[in-house]
Protein backbone atom coordinates (compact mmCIF):
# COMPACT_ATOMS: atom_id res chain seq x y z
CA MET A 1 -159.84 144.70 -193.47
CA SER A 2 -157.41 147.63 -193.32
CA HIS A 3 -158.25 150.56 -191.07
CA ALA A 4 -155.32 152.74 -192.12
CA THR A 5 -157.55 154.63 -194.55
CA LEU A 6 -160.20 155.64 -191.98
CA PRO A 7 -158.09 158.34 -190.27
CA ASP A 8 -157.22 159.67 -193.73
CA LEU A 9 -160.93 159.73 -194.59
CA ILE A 10 -161.72 161.73 -191.44
CA ARG A 11 -158.84 164.17 -191.99
CA GLU A 12 -159.67 164.72 -195.68
CA ARG A 13 -163.35 165.25 -194.92
CA LEU A 14 -162.50 167.92 -192.33
CA LYS A 15 -159.97 169.60 -194.66
CA SER A 16 -162.47 169.68 -197.53
CA ILE A 17 -164.89 172.02 -195.75
CA PRO A 18 -163.81 175.62 -196.49
CA GLU A 19 -165.10 177.01 -193.18
CA ILE A 20 -163.11 174.43 -191.22
CA HIS A 21 -160.01 174.79 -193.40
CA GLN A 22 -159.98 178.60 -193.03
CA LYS A 23 -160.21 178.49 -189.23
CA ILE A 24 -158.05 175.45 -188.55
CA ALA A 25 -155.39 176.05 -191.25
CA GLY A 26 -154.22 172.44 -191.37
CA ARG A 27 -154.09 171.89 -187.60
CA ILE A 28 -155.90 168.55 -187.74
CA HIS A 29 -153.97 166.01 -185.69
CA TYR A 30 -154.39 162.24 -185.47
CA GLN A 31 -153.22 160.50 -182.27
CA GLN A 32 -150.42 162.96 -181.40
CA ILE A 33 -150.28 166.74 -181.21
CA PRO A 34 -147.08 168.40 -182.42
CA GLN A 35 -145.47 170.74 -179.90
CA SER A 36 -145.82 173.58 -182.39
CA SER A 37 -149.62 173.28 -182.69
CA THR A 38 -151.62 176.37 -181.84
CA TYR A 39 -155.34 176.99 -181.42
CA PRO A 40 -157.79 176.39 -182.80
CA HIS A 41 -157.10 172.80 -183.67
CA ILE A 42 -158.88 169.50 -184.11
CA TRP A 43 -157.43 166.35 -182.59
CA PHE A 44 -158.80 162.84 -183.05
CA ALA A 45 -157.72 159.39 -181.97
CA ARG A 46 -158.97 155.84 -182.38
CA ARG A 47 -160.57 154.43 -179.25
CA GLY A 48 -160.30 150.75 -178.41
CA SER A 49 -157.72 148.38 -179.81
CA ASN A 50 -159.72 145.22 -179.08
CA THR A 51 -162.24 144.96 -181.90
CA ASP A 52 -163.83 141.67 -180.75
CA ASP A 53 -166.74 143.46 -179.10
CA LEU A 54 -167.04 145.93 -181.97
CA MET A 55 -167.99 143.38 -184.64
CA ASP A 56 -171.69 142.65 -184.98
CA SER A 57 -173.25 139.43 -186.30
CA ASP A 58 -173.40 140.79 -189.86
CA GLY A 59 -169.65 141.45 -189.95
CA ILE A 60 -170.05 145.22 -189.64
CA LEU A 61 -167.22 146.74 -187.65
CA ARG A 62 -167.89 149.70 -185.41
CA ASP A 63 -164.71 151.75 -185.38
CA ARG A 64 -164.70 154.52 -182.76
CA TYR A 65 -162.77 157.78 -182.63
CA VAL A 66 -162.79 160.61 -180.13
CA VAL A 67 -162.74 164.03 -181.81
CA GLU A 68 -161.74 167.18 -179.90
CA ILE A 69 -162.20 170.76 -181.10
CA VAL A 70 -160.11 173.22 -179.09
CA THR A 71 -160.48 176.99 -179.55
CA LYS A 72 -159.54 180.12 -177.62
CA THR A 73 -163.11 181.44 -177.73
CA PHE A 74 -166.45 179.74 -178.25
CA ASP A 75 -167.01 179.12 -181.96
CA ASP A 76 -170.41 177.59 -182.57
CA GLN A 77 -170.01 177.84 -186.36
CA LEU A 78 -166.83 175.75 -186.29
CA VAL A 79 -168.38 173.13 -184.01
CA THR A 80 -171.45 172.91 -186.26
CA ALA A 81 -169.27 172.62 -189.39
CA VAL A 82 -167.28 169.76 -187.82
CA ILE A 83 -170.48 167.96 -186.78
CA ASP A 84 -171.86 168.30 -190.31
CA ALA A 85 -168.57 167.15 -191.87
CA LEU A 86 -168.46 163.98 -189.78
CA GLN A 87 -171.74 162.61 -191.12
CA PHE A 88 -170.66 159.65 -193.27
CA ASP A 89 -173.13 157.63 -195.31
CA GLY A 90 -172.18 155.08 -197.96
CA ILE A 91 -168.56 156.20 -198.48
CA ALA A 92 -166.69 153.60 -200.56
CA LEU A 93 -162.96 153.23 -199.96
CA PRO A 94 -160.61 150.85 -201.82
CA SER A 95 -160.79 148.13 -199.15
CA MET A 96 -164.04 148.89 -197.31
CA THR A 97 -167.26 150.87 -197.21
CA VAL A 98 -168.33 153.22 -194.44
CA ALA A 99 -172.03 152.39 -194.34
CA THR A 100 -173.02 155.10 -191.86
CA SER A 101 -171.83 156.96 -188.77
CA ASP A 102 -172.98 158.18 -185.36
CA LEU A 103 -171.67 161.24 -183.57
CA ASP A 104 -172.32 161.59 -179.83
CA GLU A 105 -171.11 164.12 -177.29
CA VAL A 106 -168.74 162.73 -174.68
CA ASP A 107 -169.96 162.22 -171.13
CA ASP A 108 -169.31 164.69 -168.32
CA GLU A 109 -166.35 162.70 -166.97
CA TYR A 110 -164.40 162.88 -170.23
CA ALA A 111 -160.82 164.18 -169.72
CA PHE A 112 -159.69 166.33 -172.64
CA GLU A 113 -156.33 165.29 -174.05
CA SER A 114 -155.42 168.03 -176.52
CA GLY A 115 -155.88 171.24 -174.52
CA ASN A 116 -152.72 170.85 -172.42
CA GLY A 117 -154.77 171.35 -169.25
CA ASP A 118 -155.57 174.99 -170.07
CA SER A 119 -158.99 175.63 -168.52
CA ALA A 120 -159.29 178.98 -170.34
CA LEU A 121 -159.74 177.20 -173.67
CA CYS A 122 -163.12 176.26 -175.15
CA MET A 123 -163.21 172.53 -175.77
CA HIS A 124 -165.79 170.31 -177.42
CA ALA A 125 -165.52 166.55 -177.82
CA PHE A 126 -167.48 163.87 -179.61
CA VAL A 127 -167.29 160.13 -180.12
CA LEU A 128 -167.47 159.27 -183.82
CA THR A 129 -168.55 155.71 -184.59
CA LEU A 130 -168.06 154.52 -188.15
CA TYR A 131 -169.93 151.41 -189.27
CA VAL A 132 -167.60 149.69 -191.71
CA GLY A 133 -168.07 146.65 -193.94
CA ASP A 134 -166.08 145.00 -196.73
């Protein structure tokens, strides 16, 4: 099972929403943030390289990503648009199917990675779990 297409699926889904595209202007980063990135931006990264505990008895893989939205001012519309965009249900890809997804807010101890330590920024983070089968 190839997971290389899942980050592309997430990125394309976010880019396809006009409200997100207008505000973010292509600043959707996977794993690394370019030095030239400005705000607002969306950063996401895969969490957990050991998938042994992520496979259930039916062979459904739970693939987890952390998703950060970083803005200069609070933008509830952008956060809501991202939440809505990350609802996956029955998406067929060439090598797999995303059966469904869960999106949960991070816990209070979560350390933001894409805000460069700037406490003046507004940051929101979620854990996206994709349930993937062949």
